[in-house]
Amino acid sequence: MQNIINEIIIWLQNLVSSTPIGISIFLGMLIIVIESIIPELPLGIFIALNVHLFGNVLGFTMSWVATSIGCSLSFFIVRKLFNKKLERKFKKDGKIHNILKRIDKLELSSLVLIITLPFTPAFAINIAAGLSNMSYKKFIIAILIAKVFIVLFWGYIGTSFLQSVTDIWVIIKICLMMLGAYIISKVVMKKYRIE
């Protein structure tokens, strides 16, 4: 396992060093923007790789800007392409209509807290906010604040994991941090009735 990860990291480092820096940065950011629109891709791995390949400051900045752009794009796509079409359907479904009303009423601090939790389904938040009547300003401020913590969390977890795959104590510490974040996410999601 460690050999495979090391080989992949070495290959990526060689790729980044042999490619012009602007293109490397663009590609590192593009994959995170795409992840914000296609949620099956692993955000944590991409952030960890950016931090590992480009360093703490540049890797963090790239990942933060890219995930913020990706979430904004997701919000806009839903708002502009699907909002009016789905609004009629949701008015008929009382449960979904009530969820969207609750999202509209979320205070900025509550929205930031929900987005900040690493196991909150970010794609679902982007879609729900896009379908709701939430202002773009409120959404983007929440994203810009919350994504700082998400990128720090996944950057730390990912780079720690990549650097110490064989150190069982680091793996245990990472697992405990992830478990704690998961439990807090579930509690907050239950409190705000987010499914």
N, C-alpha and C. Protein backbone atom coordinates (compact mmCIF):
# COMPACT_ATOMS: atom_id res chain seq x y z
N MET A 1 0.83 -1.20 0.00
CA MET A 1 0.00 0.00 0.00
C MET A 1 0.87 1.26 0.00
N GLN A 2 1.86 1.28 0.92
CA GLN A 2 2.73 2.45 1.00
C GLN A 2 3.52 2.64 -0.29
N ASN A 3 3.96 1.55 -0.89
CA ASN A 3 4.72 1.64 -2.14
C ASN A 3 3.87 2.21 -3.26
N ILE A 4 2.63 1.81 -3.33
CA ILE A 4 1.73 2.30 -4.37
C ILE A 4 1.51 3.81 -4.20
N ILE A 5 1.23 4.23 -2.95
CA ILE A 5 1.02 5.66 -2.68
C ILE A 5 2.28 6.45 -2.99
N ASN A 6 3.44 5.93 -2.59
CA ASN A 6 4.71 6.62 -2.87
C ASN A 6 4.95 6.74 -4.37
N GLU A 7 4.65 5.70 -5.12
CA GLU A 7 4.83 5.74 -6.57
C GLU A 7 3.92 6.79 -7.21
N ILE A 8 2.69 6.85 -6.76
CA ILE A 8 1.75 7.84 -7.30
C ILE A 8 2.22 9.25 -6.97
N ILE A 9 2.67 9.45 -5.74
CA ILE A 9 3.15 10.78 -5.31
C ILE A 9 4.38 11.19 -6.13
N ILE A 10 5.31 10.26 -6.31
CA ILE A 10 6.52 10.57 -7.08
C ILE A 10 6.15 10.90 -8.53
N TRP A 11 5.23 10.13 -9.10
CA TRP A 11 4.79 10.40 -10.46
C TRP A 11 4.15 11.78 -10.57
N LEU A 12 3.29 12.13 -9.60
CA LEU A 12 2.64 13.46 -9.61
C LEU A 12 3.66 14.58 -9.40
N GLN A 13 4.65 14.38 -8.52
CA GLN A 13 5.68 15.39 -8.31
C GLN A 13 6.48 15.61 -9.59
N ASN A 14 6.82 14.53 -10.29
CA ASN A 14 7.53 14.65 -11.55
C ASN A 14 6.68 15.36 -12.60
N LEU A 15 5.40 15.04 -12.62
CA LEU A 15 4.48 15.68 -13.56
C LEU A 15 4.39 17.18 -13.29
N VAL A 16 4.24 17.55 -12.02
CA VAL A 16 4.15 18.97 -11.66
C VAL A 16 5.45 19.70 -11.97
N SER A 17 6.60 19.08 -11.67
CA SER A 17 7.88 19.76 -11.91
C SER A 17 8.21 19.87 -13.40
N SER A 18 7.66 18.99 -14.23
CA SER A 18 7.95 19.05 -15.67
C SER A 18 6.91 19.86 -16.45
N THR A 19 5.87 20.30 -15.79
CA THR A 19 4.81 21.08 -16.42
C THR A 19 4.97 22.54 -15.99
N PRO A 20 4.71 23.50 -16.88
CA PRO A 20 4.76 24.91 -16.45
C PRO A 20 3.86 25.14 -15.23
N ILE A 21 4.34 25.96 -14.30
CA ILE A 21 3.65 26.13 -13.01
C ILE A 21 2.21 26.61 -13.18
N GLY A 22 1.98 27.49 -14.13
CA GLY A 22 0.62 27.99 -14.37
C GLY A 22 -0.35 26.88 -14.75
N ILE A 23 0.12 25.97 -15.60
CA ILE A 23 -0.72 24.84 -16.02
C ILE A 23 -0.94 23.89 -14.86
N SER A 24 0.12 23.64 -14.08
CA SER A 24 -0.01 22.76 -12.91
C SER A 24 -1.03 23.30 -11.92
N ILE A 25 -0.94 24.60 -11.64
CA ILE A 25 -1.88 25.23 -10.71
C ILE A 25 -3.29 25.16 -11.27
N PHE A 26 -3.44 25.47 -12.55
CA PHE A 26 -4.75 25.43 -13.19
C PHE A 26 -5.36 24.03 -13.07
N LEU A 27 -4.59 23.00 -13.37
CA LEU A 27 -5.11 21.63 -13.30
C LEU A 27 -5.43 21.21 -11.87
N GLY A 28 -4.57 21.63 -10.92
CA GLY A 28 -4.84 21.33 -9.51
C GLY A 28 -6.13 21.98 -9.03
N MET A 29 -6.42 23.17 -9.54
CA MET A 29 -7.66 23.85 -9.17
C MET A 29 -8.86 23.28 -9.94
N LEU A 30 -8.65 22.97 -11.20
CA LEU A 30 -9.75 22.49 -12.04
C LEU A 30 -10.37 21.22 -11.48
N ILE A 31 -9.56 20.30 -11.01
CA ILE A 31 -10.09 19.04 -10.49
C ILE A 31 -10.97 19.29 -9.26
N ILE A 32 -10.62 20.30 -8.46
CA ILE A 32 -11.44 20.62 -7.28
C ILE A 32 -12.73 21.31 -7.69
N VAL A 33 -12.68 22.18 -8.70
CA VAL A 33 -13.91 22.80 -9.21
C VAL A 33 -14.86 21.73 -9.73
N ILE A 34 -14.31 20.78 -10.49
CA ILE A 34 -15.12 19.68 -11.03
C ILE A 34 -15.72 18.86 -9.89
N GLU A 35 -14.93 18.61 -8.83
CA GLU A 35 -15.43 17.84 -7.68
C GLU A 35 -16.62 18.53 -7.04
N SER A 36 -16.65 19.85 -7.03
CA SER A 36 -17.77 20.57 -6.42
C SER A 36 -19.06 20.37 -7.20
N ILE A 37 -18.93 20.02 -8.48
CA ILE A 37 -20.10 19.82 -9.33
C ILE A 37 -20.44 18.33 -9.43
N ILE A 38 -19.43 17.47 -9.36
CA ILE A 38 -19.61 16.02 -9.41
C ILE A 38 -19.19 15.47 -8.04
N PRO A 39 -20.13 15.27 -7.14
CA PRO A 39 -19.78 14.97 -5.75
C PRO A 39 -19.14 13.61 -5.49
N GLU A 40 -19.13 12.72 -6.47
CA GLU A 40 -18.55 11.40 -6.24
C GLU A 40 -17.03 11.45 -6.16
N LEU A 41 -16.43 12.53 -6.62
CA LEU A 41 -14.97 12.65 -6.58
C LEU A 41 -14.53 12.99 -5.16
N PRO A 42 -13.34 12.54 -4.74
CA PRO A 42 -12.89 12.70 -3.34
C PRO A 42 -12.18 14.04 -3.09
N LEU A 43 -12.91 15.02 -2.57
CA LEU A 43 -12.35 16.34 -2.29
C LEU A 43 -11.14 16.25 -1.37
N GLY A 44 -11.23 15.47 -0.31
CA GLY A 44 -10.14 15.37 0.66
C GLY A 44 -8.83 14.95 0.02
N ILE A 45 -8.88 14.01 -0.91
CA ILE A 45 -7.66 13.54 -1.58
C ILE A 45 -7.08 14.63 -2.46
N PHE A 46 -7.94 15.36 -3.19
CA PHE A 46 -7.45 16.41 -4.07
C PHE A 46 -6.82 17.55 -3.28
N ILE A 47 -7.42 17.91 -2.15
CA ILE A 47 -6.85 18.96 -1.30
C ILE A 47 -5.51 18.50 -0.75
N ALA A 48 -5.46 17.27 -0.26
CA ALA A 48 -4.21 16.74 0.29
C ALA A 48 -3.10 16.74 -0.76
N LEU A 49 -3.44 16.35 -1.97
CA LEU A 49 -2.43 16.34 -3.05
C LEU A 49 -1.97 17.75 -3.38
N ASN A 50 -2.90 18.71 -3.45
CA ASN A 50 -2.50 20.09 -3.72
C ASN A 50 -1.55 20.61 -2.64
N VAL A 51 -1.88 20.36 -1.38
CA VAL A 51 -1.04 20.82 -0.27
C VAL A 51 0.32 20.12 -0.33
N HIS A 52 0.31 18.83 -0.62
CA HIS A 52 1.55 18.07 -0.67
C HIS A 52 2.42 18.51 -1.86
N LEU A 53 1.80 18.71 -3.03
CA LEU A 53 2.56 19.02 -4.23
C LEU A 53 2.98 20.49 -4.34
N PHE A 54 2.17 21.40 -3.83
CA PHE A 54 2.43 22.82 -4.01
C PHE A 54 2.84 23.54 -2.72
N GLY A 55 2.83 22.82 -1.61
CA GLY A 55 3.18 23.44 -0.34
C GLY A 55 1.94 23.91 0.41
N ASN A 56 2.14 24.22 1.69
CA ASN A 56 1.01 24.57 2.55
C ASN A 56 0.27 25.82 2.08
N VAL A 57 0.99 26.88 1.77
CA VAL A 57 0.33 28.15 1.46
C VAL A 57 -0.31 28.10 0.07
N LEU A 58 0.45 27.77 -0.96
CA LEU A 58 -0.09 27.73 -2.31
C LEU A 58 -1.14 26.62 -2.45
N GLY A 59 -0.87 25.45 -1.91
CA GLY A 59 -1.83 24.34 -1.98
C GLY A 59 -3.14 24.67 -1.28
N PHE A 60 -3.04 25.32 -0.10
CA PHE A 60 -4.24 25.74 0.62
C PHE A 60 -5.01 26.78 -0.20
N THR A 61 -4.31 27.80 -0.68
CA THR A 61 -4.96 28.88 -1.43
C THR A 61 -5.64 28.35 -2.68
N MET A 62 -4.94 27.51 -3.43
CA MET A 62 -5.52 26.92 -4.64
C MET A 62 -6.79 26.15 -4.31
N SER A 63 -6.72 25.32 -3.29
CA SER A 63 -7.85 24.47 -2.93
C SER A 63 -9.03 25.30 -2.43
N TRP A 64 -8.75 26.32 -1.63
CA TRP A 64 -9.82 27.17 -1.08
C TRP A 64 -10.53 27.94 -2.19
N VAL A 65 -9.74 28.55 -3.09
CA VAL A 65 -10.32 29.31 -4.20
C VAL A 65 -11.11 28.37 -5.10
N ALA A 66 -10.55 27.23 -5.42
CA ALA A 66 -11.21 26.30 -6.35
C ALA A 66 -12.50 25.74 -5.78
N THR A 67 -12.51 25.34 -4.51
CA THR A 67 -13.74 24.78 -3.95
C THR A 67 -14.80 25.87 -3.80
N SER A 68 -14.38 27.10 -3.52
CA SER A 68 -15.34 28.22 -3.44
C SER A 68 -15.95 28.49 -4.82
N ILE A 69 -15.12 28.48 -5.84
CA ILE A 69 -15.61 28.68 -7.21
C ILE A 69 -16.55 27.54 -7.59
N GLY A 70 -16.15 26.32 -7.29
CA GLY A 70 -16.97 25.16 -7.64
C GLY A 70 -18.34 25.19 -6.98
N CYS A 71 -18.37 25.53 -5.69
CA CYS A 71 -19.66 25.62 -4.98
C CYS A 71 -20.52 26.73 -5.54
N SER A 72 -19.90 27.86 -5.89
CA SER A 72 -20.64 28.97 -6.49
C SER A 72 -21.22 28.57 -7.85
N LEU A 73 -20.43 27.86 -8.64
CA LEU A 73 -20.92 27.39 -9.94
C LEU A 73 -22.09 26.44 -9.77
N SER A 74 -21.95 25.53 -8.83
CA SER A 74 -23.03 24.58 -8.56
C SER A 74 -24.31 25.32 -8.16
N PHE A 75 -24.18 26.31 -7.28
CA PHE A 75 -25.30 27.14 -6.84
C PHE A 75 -25.95 27.83 -8.04
N PHE A 76 -25.12 28.47 -8.89
CA PHE A 76 -25.64 29.20 -10.05
C PHE A 76 -26.31 28.28 -11.06
N ILE A 77 -25.71 27.13 -11.32
CA ILE A 77 -26.29 26.20 -12.28
C ILE A 77 -27.68 25.78 -11.83
N VAL A 78 -27.79 25.43 -10.56
CA VAL A 78 -29.10 25.03 -10.03
C VAL A 78 -30.07 26.20 -10.06
N ARG A 79 -29.62 27.37 -9.64
CA ARG A 79 -30.49 28.55 -9.57
C ARG A 79 -30.99 28.95 -10.96
N LYS A 80 -30.11 28.97 -11.94
CA LYS A 80 -30.48 29.47 -13.26
C LYS A 80 -31.17 28.43 -14.14
N LEU A 81 -30.78 27.17 -14.00
CA LEU A 81 -31.32 26.15 -14.92
C LEU A 81 -32.49 25.36 -14.35
N PHE A 82 -32.51 25.17 -13.04
CA PHE A 82 -33.49 24.24 -12.49
C PHE A 82 -34.49 24.86 -11.52
N ASN A 83 -34.19 26.04 -11.00
CA ASN A 83 -35.01 26.61 -9.94
C ASN A 83 -36.46 26.76 -10.35
N LYS A 84 -36.71 27.40 -11.48
CA LYS A 84 -38.10 27.66 -11.90
C LYS A 84 -38.82 26.36 -12.25
N LYS A 85 -38.10 25.44 -12.90
CA LYS A 85 -38.71 24.18 -13.31
C LYS A 85 -39.12 23.33 -12.10
N LEU A 86 -38.23 23.31 -11.10
CA LEU A 86 -38.49 22.47 -9.94
C LEU A 86 -39.38 23.14 -8.89
N GLU A 87 -39.48 24.46 -8.96
CA GLU A 87 -40.27 25.19 -7.97
C GLU A 87 -41.71 24.71 -7.96
N ARG A 88 -42.29 24.51 -9.14
CA ARG A 88 -43.69 24.04 -9.22
C ARG A 88 -43.84 22.66 -8.60
N LYS A 89 -42.88 21.78 -8.83
CA LYS A 89 -42.94 20.43 -8.26
C LYS A 89 -42.81 20.46 -6.74
N PHE A 90 -41.91 21.33 -6.24
CA PHE A 90 -41.68 21.39 -4.80
C PHE A 90 -42.84 21.99 -4.04
N LYS A 91 -43.59 22.86 -4.69
CA LYS A 91 -44.76 23.42 -4.00
C LYS A 91 -45.79 22.34 -3.72
N LYS A 92 -45.82 21.33 -4.59
CA LYS A 92 -46.74 20.21 -4.37
C LYS A 92 -46.25 19.28 -3.26
N ASP A 93 -44.94 19.16 -3.12
CA ASP A 93 -44.34 18.29 -2.09
C ASP A 93 -44.06 19.14 -0.85
N GLY A 94 -44.92 19.02 0.14
CA GLY A 94 -44.82 19.85 1.34
C GLY A 94 -43.53 19.68 2.10
N LYS A 95 -42.99 18.45 2.15
CA LYS A 95 -41.76 18.19 2.90
C LYS A 95 -40.58 18.96 2.31
N ILE A 96 -40.41 18.87 1.01
CA ILE A 96 -39.29 19.57 0.36
C ILE A 96 -39.49 21.07 0.46
N HIS A 97 -40.72 21.52 0.29
CA HIS A 97 -41.02 22.95 0.39
C HIS A 97 -40.66 23.48 1.78
N ASN A 98 -40.96 22.71 2.82
CA ASN A 98 -40.62 23.12 4.19
C ASN A 98 -39.11 23.14 4.42
N ILE A 99 -38.39 22.18 3.85
CA ILE A 99 -36.93 22.16 3.98
C ILE A 99 -36.33 23.41 3.33
N LEU A 100 -36.82 23.76 2.15
CA LEU A 100 -36.31 24.94 1.46
C LEU A 100 -36.62 26.22 2.24
N LYS A 101 -37.78 26.27 2.88
CA LYS A 101 -38.13 27.44 3.70
C LYS A 101 -37.17 27.54 4.89
N ARG A 102 -36.83 26.39 5.50
CA ARG A 102 -35.89 26.39 6.63
C ARG A 102 -34.51 26.85 6.19
N ILE A 103 -34.11 26.43 5.00
CA ILE A 103 -32.81 26.85 4.47
C ILE A 103 -32.80 28.36 4.25
N ASP A 104 -33.91 28.90 3.73
CA ASP A 104 -34.01 30.35 3.54
C ASP A 104 -33.83 31.10 4.85
N LYS A 105 -34.33 30.54 5.94
CA LYS A 105 -34.33 31.22 7.24
C LYS A 105 -33.04 31.01 8.03
N LEU A 106 -32.12 30.17 7.55
CA LEU A 106 -30.87 29.94 8.27
C LEU A 106 -30.09 31.24 8.42
N GLU A 107 -29.62 31.49 9.62
CA GLU A 107 -28.72 32.63 9.83
C GLU A 107 -27.38 32.30 9.19
N LEU A 108 -26.63 33.35 8.87
CA LEU A 108 -25.33 33.15 8.25
C LEU A 108 -24.42 32.27 9.11
N SER A 109 -24.41 32.48 10.41
CA SER A 109 -23.54 31.69 11.29
C SER A 109 -23.94 30.21 11.27
N SER A 110 -25.23 29.93 11.22
CA SER A 110 -25.68 28.53 11.17
C SER A 110 -25.31 27.89 9.84
N LEU A 111 -25.45 28.65 8.75
CA LEU A 111 -25.08 28.14 7.44
C LEU A 111 -23.59 27.85 7.38
N VAL A 112 -22.78 28.75 7.91
CA VAL A 112 -21.32 28.53 7.95
C VAL A 112 -21.00 27.27 8.74
N LEU A 113 -21.64 27.11 9.89
CA LEU A 113 -21.39 25.93 10.73
C LEU A 113 -21.73 24.64 9.98
N ILE A 114 -22.85 24.63 9.30
CA ILE A 114 -23.27 23.44 8.56
C ILE A 114 -22.28 23.12 7.44
N ILE A 115 -21.87 24.14 6.70
CA ILE A 115 -20.93 23.92 5.58
C ILE A 115 -19.55 23.53 6.10
N THR A 116 -19.16 24.04 7.26
CA THR A 116 -17.83 23.79 7.81
C THR A 116 -17.61 22.33 8.19
N LEU A 117 -18.65 21.65 8.57
CA LEU A 117 -18.49 20.27 9.01
C LEU A 117 -18.07 19.38 7.84
N PRO A 118 -16.98 18.62 8.01
CA PRO A 118 -16.40 17.86 6.90
C PRO A 118 -17.32 16.80 6.29
N PHE A 119 -18.29 16.30 7.04
CA PHE A 119 -19.11 15.23 6.50
C PHE A 119 -20.51 15.69 6.12
N THR A 120 -20.71 17.01 6.10
CA THR A 120 -21.96 17.55 5.57
C THR A 120 -21.88 17.41 4.06
N PRO A 121 -22.92 16.90 3.42
CA PRO A 121 -22.87 16.76 1.96
C PRO A 121 -22.92 18.13 1.27
N ALA A 122 -21.74 18.65 0.93
CA ALA A 122 -21.63 20.00 0.37
C ALA A 122 -22.45 20.16 -0.90
N PHE A 123 -22.44 19.14 -1.73
CA PHE A 123 -23.20 19.22 -2.99
C PHE A 123 -24.68 19.42 -2.69
N ALA A 124 -25.19 18.73 -1.68
CA ALA A 124 -26.60 18.87 -1.32
C ALA A 124 -26.89 20.28 -0.80
N ILE A 125 -25.96 20.85 -0.04
CA ILE A 125 -26.12 22.23 0.45
C ILE A 125 -26.15 23.19 -0.73
N ASN A 126 -25.24 23.01 -1.70
CA ASN A 126 -25.20 23.88 -2.88
C ASN A 126 -26.54 23.82 -3.64
N ILE A 127 -27.05 22.62 -3.82
CA ILE A 127 -28.31 22.44 -4.55
C ILE A 127 -29.46 23.06 -3.77
N ALA A 128 -29.53 22.75 -2.48
CA ALA A 128 -30.63 23.28 -1.66
C ALA A 128 -30.60 24.80 -1.62
N ALA A 129 -29.42 25.38 -1.49
CA ALA A 129 -29.31 26.84 -1.47
C ALA A 129 -29.71 27.42 -2.83
N GLY A 130 -29.32 26.75 -3.91
CA GLY A 130 -29.69 27.21 -5.24
C GLY A 130 -31.18 27.14 -5.50
N LEU A 131 -31.84 26.13 -4.94
CA LEU A 131 -33.29 25.98 -5.12
C LEU A 131 -34.08 26.90 -4.19
N SER A 132 -33.45 27.31 -3.09
CA SER A 132 -34.14 28.17 -2.13
C SER A 132 -34.10 29.61 -2.62
N ASN A 133 -34.60 30.51 -1.80
CA ASN A 133 -34.56 31.94 -2.12
C ASN A 133 -33.39 32.64 -1.43
N MET A 134 -32.42 31.87 -0.97
CA MET A 134 -31.24 32.44 -0.30
C MET A 134 -30.51 33.37 -1.27
N SER A 135 -30.05 34.50 -0.74
CA SER A 135 -29.33 35.44 -1.59
C SER A 135 -27.95 34.88 -1.94
N TYR A 136 -27.47 35.27 -3.11
CA TYR A 136 -26.14 34.84 -3.52
C TYR A 136 -25.09 35.38 -2.55
N LYS A 137 -25.28 36.62 -2.10
CA LYS A 137 -24.32 37.25 -1.18
C LYS A 137 -24.17 36.42 0.09
N LYS A 138 -25.29 36.02 0.68
CA LYS A 138 -25.25 35.21 1.90
C LYS A 138 -24.56 33.87 1.64
N PHE A 139 -24.90 33.24 0.52
CA PHE A 139 -24.31 31.95 0.18
C PHE A 139 -22.80 32.06 -0.01
N ILE A 140 -22.36 33.05 -0.78
CA ILE A 140 -20.93 33.15 -1.09
C ILE A 140 -20.12 33.52 0.15
N ILE A 141 -20.67 34.37 1.02
CA ILE A 141 -19.96 34.70 2.26
C ILE A 141 -19.81 33.45 3.12
N ALA A 142 -20.88 32.67 3.24
CA ALA A 142 -20.82 31.43 4.02
C ALA A 142 -19.81 30.46 3.43
N ILE A 143 -19.79 30.33 2.12
CA ILE A 143 -18.84 29.43 1.45
C ILE A 143 -17.41 29.89 1.69
N LEU A 144 -17.14 31.18 1.49
CA LEU A 144 -15.77 31.68 1.66
C LEU A 144 -15.25 31.46 3.07
N ILE A 145 -16.11 31.64 4.06
CA ILE A 145 -15.69 31.43 5.45
C ILE A 145 -15.53 29.94 5.75
N ALA A 146 -16.55 29.16 5.43
CA ALA A 146 -16.57 27.75 5.81
C ALA A 146 -15.50 26.92 5.09
N LYS A 147 -15.25 27.24 3.84
CA LYS A 147 -14.30 26.43 3.07
C LYS A 147 -12.87 26.58 3.57
N VAL A 148 -12.58 27.67 4.29
CA VAL A 148 -11.25 27.79 4.92
C VAL A 148 -11.03 26.60 5.85
N PHE A 149 -12.02 26.30 6.66
CA PHE A 149 -11.89 25.22 7.65
C PHE A 149 -11.91 23.84 6.99
N ILE A 150 -12.73 23.69 5.96
CA ILE A 150 -12.77 22.41 5.24
C ILE A 150 -11.40 22.12 4.62
N VAL A 151 -10.83 23.12 3.96
CA VAL A 151 -9.53 22.92 3.30
C VAL A 151 -8.44 22.65 4.34
N LEU A 152 -8.47 23.38 5.47
CA LEU A 152 -7.49 23.10 6.53
C LEU A 152 -7.65 21.68 7.07
N PHE A 153 -8.90 21.26 7.31
CA PHE A 153 -9.16 19.92 7.83
C PHE A 153 -8.64 18.85 6.87
N TRP A 154 -9.09 18.90 5.62
CA TRP A 154 -8.69 17.85 4.67
C TRP A 154 -7.21 17.95 4.30
N GLY A 155 -6.68 19.17 4.28
CA GLY A 155 -5.25 19.32 4.01
C GLY A 155 -4.41 18.66 5.11
N TYR A 156 -4.80 18.88 6.37
CA TYR A 156 -4.06 18.27 7.48
C TYR A 156 -4.24 16.75 7.49
N ILE A 157 -5.50 16.33 7.42
CA ILE A 157 -5.78 14.88 7.45
C ILE A 157 -5.07 14.18 6.30
N GLY A 158 -5.21 14.73 5.10
CA GLY A 158 -4.65 14.08 3.91
C GLY A 158 -3.14 14.03 3.89
N THR A 159 -2.50 15.17 4.18
CA THR A 159 -1.03 15.16 4.15
C THR A 159 -0.46 14.33 5.29
N SER A 160 -1.10 14.35 6.44
CA SER A 160 -0.64 13.50 7.54
C SER A 160 -0.74 12.04 7.15
N PHE A 161 -1.83 11.69 6.50
CA PHE A 161 -2.02 10.31 6.08
C PHE A 161 -0.99 9.91 5.01
N LEU A 162 -0.77 10.79 4.03
CA LEU A 162 0.18 10.49 2.96
C LEU A 162 1.61 10.34 3.50
N GLN A 163 1.95 11.16 4.50
CA GLN A 163 3.32 11.15 5.01
C GLN A 163 3.57 10.03 6.01
N SER A 164 2.51 9.45 6.56
CA SER A 164 2.74 8.45 7.60
C SER A 164 1.78 7.28 7.50
N VAL A 165 1.72 6.70 6.31
CA VAL A 165 0.84 5.56 6.08
C VAL A 165 1.18 4.39 7.00
N THR A 166 2.43 4.27 7.39
CA THR A 166 2.83 3.12 8.21
C THR A 166 2.84 3.41 9.71
N ASP A 167 2.65 4.67 10.10
CA ASP A 167 2.66 5.02 11.53
C ASP A 167 1.25 4.84 12.09
N ILE A 168 1.03 3.78 12.82
CA ILE A 168 -0.30 3.42 13.31
C ILE A 168 -0.88 4.49 14.22
N TRP A 169 -0.03 5.20 15.01
CA TRP A 169 -0.55 6.22 15.93
C TRP A 169 -1.09 7.43 15.17
N VAL A 170 -0.44 7.80 14.10
CA VAL A 170 -0.95 8.91 13.27
C VAL A 170 -2.26 8.51 12.63
N ILE A 171 -2.34 7.28 12.15
CA ILE A 171 -3.58 6.80 11.53
C ILE A 171 -4.70 6.77 12.56
N ILE A 172 -4.40 6.33 13.78
CA ILE A 172 -5.42 6.32 14.85
C ILE A 172 -5.88 7.74 15.16
N LYS A 173 -4.94 8.68 15.25
CA LYS A 173 -5.29 10.08 15.53
C LYS A 173 -6.18 10.65 14.41
N ILE A 174 -5.82 10.36 13.17
CA ILE A 174 -6.63 10.83 12.03
C ILE A 174 -8.02 10.23 12.09
N CYS A 175 -8.10 8.95 12.36
CA CYS A 175 -9.41 8.28 12.45
C CYS A 175 -10.27 8.88 13.56
N LEU A 176 -9.66 9.17 14.71
CA LEU A 176 -10.40 9.79 15.82
C LEU A 176 -10.89 11.19 15.45
N MET A 177 -10.04 11.96 14.77
CA MET A 177 -10.46 13.30 14.32
C MET A 177 -11.63 13.20 13.34
N MET A 178 -11.53 12.26 12.42
CA MET A 178 -12.60 12.09 11.43
C MET A 178 -13.88 11.61 12.09
N LEU A 179 -13.77 10.71 13.05
CA LEU A 179 -14.93 10.23 13.79
C LEU A 179 -15.59 11.38 14.55
N GLY A 180 -14.77 12.19 15.21
CA GLY A 180 -15.31 13.35 15.93
C GLY A 180 -16.02 14.31 15.00
N ALA A 181 -15.41 14.60 13.85
CA ALA A 181 -16.04 15.50 12.87
C ALA A 181 -17.34 14.89 12.35
N TYR A 182 -17.34 13.59 12.13
CA TYR A 182 -18.54 12.91 11.64
C TYR A 182 -19.68 13.00 12.66
N ILE A 183 -19.37 12.75 13.93
CA ILE A 183 -20.39 12.81 14.99
C ILE A 183 -20.94 14.22 15.12
N ILE A 184 -20.06 15.23 15.11
CA ILE A 184 -20.52 16.62 15.20
C ILE A 184 -21.40 16.95 13.99
N SER A 185 -21.00 16.48 12.81
CA SER A 185 -21.81 16.72 11.59
C SER A 185 -23.20 16.14 11.75
N LYS A 186 -23.28 14.92 12.26
CA LYS A 186 -24.58 14.28 12.43
C LYS A 186 -25.45 15.03 13.44
N VAL A 187 -24.85 15.48 14.53
CA VAL A 187 -25.60 16.23 15.55
C VAL A 187 -26.15 17.52 14.95
N VAL A 188 -25.30 18.26 14.23
CA VAL A 188 -25.74 19.52 13.63
C VAL A 188 -26.81 19.26 12.57
N MET A 189 -26.61 18.24 11.75
CA MET A 189 -27.60 17.92 10.71
C MET A 189 -28.94 17.55 11.34
N LYS A 190 -28.90 16.82 12.46
CA LYS A 190 -30.14 16.45 13.14
C LYS A 190 -30.81 17.69 13.74
N LYS A 191 -30.00 18.56 14.34
CA LYS A 191 -30.55 19.77 14.96
C LYS A 191 -31.24 20.66 13.93
N TYR A 192 -30.63 20.80 12.75
CA TYR A 192 -31.19 21.65 11.71
C TYR A 192 -32.07 20.88 10.72
N ARG A 193 -32.28 19.59 11.01
CA ARG A 193 -33.13 18.73 10.20
C ARG A 193 -32.71 18.70 8.73
N ILE A 194 -31.43 18.48 8.52
CA ILE A 194 -30.89 18.36 7.17
C ILE A 194 -30.68 16.89 6.89
N GLU A 195 -31.20 16.44 5.77
CA GLU A 195 -31.07 15.01 5.43
C GLU A 195 -30.14 14.85 4.26
